[in-house]
Amino acid sequence: MEGSPLFLRRTEAAQYVRERWGAPCSAKWLAKLAVVGGGPQFRKIGRFPVYTRTDLDAWIEAKISAPRRSTSAKI
C-alpha cells in the first residue's frame, strides 16, 4: 500500500473495513463506537479522529468468531 496515507478518516476507515473484510461498517457507527466503546483504536489530528489500517485489522479480527458447523453450537 505504498503511497497510501498512514491515517484514514472515519469515512475512509469504514470503506476500508467494508472492502478488505466484507464487514458492514459506516462512519456513523465508528463515531458511535468512539463514544460508547468497543470500536477500533483511533487517534486525533487536530479535531479529526483518524485510524490506522493496523488498528482496524486488529479490531475486526477480534470480532470474527471461530468456525462453526451449526448456529446452535456453543464454544
Protein backbone atom coordinates (compact mmCIF):
# COMPACT_ATOMS: atom_id res chain seq x y z
CA MET A 1 0.00 0.00 0.00
CA GLU A 2 2.84 2.30 -0.77
CA GLY A 3 1.64 5.79 -1.44
CA SER A 4 -1.42 5.27 0.78
CA PRO A 5 -1.94 7.67 3.65
CA LEU A 6 -0.84 6.37 7.06
CA PHE A 7 -4.05 7.57 8.71
CA LEU A 8 -7.63 7.22 7.47
CA ARG A 9 -10.52 9.50 8.37
CA ARG A 10 -13.74 7.79 9.51
CA THR A 11 -15.35 7.60 6.08
CA GLU A 12 -12.20 6.08 4.59
CA ALA A 13 -11.76 3.74 7.59
CA ALA A 14 -15.31 2.42 7.21
CA GLN A 15 -14.76 1.91 3.50
CA TYR A 16 -11.51 0.05 4.20
CA VAL A 17 -13.28 -2.34 6.62
CA ARG A 18 -16.09 -2.98 4.11
CA GLU A 19 -13.76 -3.57 1.17
CA ARG A 20 -10.99 -5.53 2.90
CA TRP A 21 -13.08 -7.61 5.30
CA GLY A 22 -16.57 -7.58 3.79
CA ALA A 23 -17.93 -6.49 7.17
CA PRO A 24 -20.71 -3.93 7.50
CA CYS A 25 -19.23 -0.66 8.72
CA SER A 26 -20.15 3.01 8.44
CA ALA A 27 -18.56 6.25 9.56
CA LYS A 28 -21.54 6.87 11.85
CA TRP A 29 -21.08 3.50 13.51
CA LEU A 30 -17.37 4.19 14.09
CA ALA A 31 -18.32 7.56 15.60
CA LYS A 32 -20.80 5.88 17.95
CA LEU A 33 -18.24 3.27 19.00
CA ALA A 34 -15.74 6.05 19.73
CA VAL A 35 -18.22 7.36 22.31
CA VAL A 36 -19.62 4.16 23.82
CA GLY A 37 -16.54 1.95 23.42
CA GLY A 38 -15.92 -1.28 21.59
CA GLY A 39 -14.51 0.26 18.43
CA PRO A 40 -11.03 0.30 16.97
CA GLN A 41 -8.29 2.44 18.47
CA PHE A 42 -8.09 5.88 16.95
CA ARG A 43 -6.01 9.00 17.25
CA LYS A 44 -6.79 12.64 16.60
CA ILE A 45 -5.15 15.05 14.25
CA GLY A 46 -6.50 18.35 15.49
CA ARG A 47 -10.20 17.70 15.91
CA PHE A 48 -10.32 14.86 13.37
CA PRO A 49 -10.31 11.22 14.52
CA VAL A 50 -8.07 9.03 12.37
CA TYR A 51 -7.42 5.30 12.17
CA THR A 52 -4.54 3.12 11.00
CA ARG A 53 -5.11 0.04 8.87
CA THR A 54 -3.25 -2.00 11.50
CA ASP A 55 -5.68 -0.90 14.24
CA LEU A 56 -8.69 -1.54 12.00
CA ASP A 57 -7.40 -5.00 11.06
CA ALA A 58 -6.76 -5.93 14.72
CA TRP A 59 -10.22 -4.73 15.74
CA ILE A 60 -12.13 -6.61 13.07
CA GLU A 61 -10.06 -9.78 13.54
CA ALA A 62 -11.03 -9.73 17.23
CA LYS A 63 -14.71 -9.54 16.21
CA ILE A 64 -14.61 -12.62 13.95
CA SER A 65 -15.80 -15.81 15.63
CA ALA A 66 -14.23 -19.23 15.38
CA PRO A 67 -15.54 -21.52 12.60
CA ARG A 68 -18.88 -23.18 13.40
CA ARG A 69 -20.88 -26.03 11.92
CA SER A 70 -24.17 -25.01 13.48
CA THR A 71 -25.85 -21.88 14.77
CA SER A 72 -26.64 -23.74 17.99
CA ALA A 73 -23.04 -24.83 18.65
CA LYS A 74 -21.63 -23.48 21.89
CA ILE A 75 -17.97 -22.52 22.01
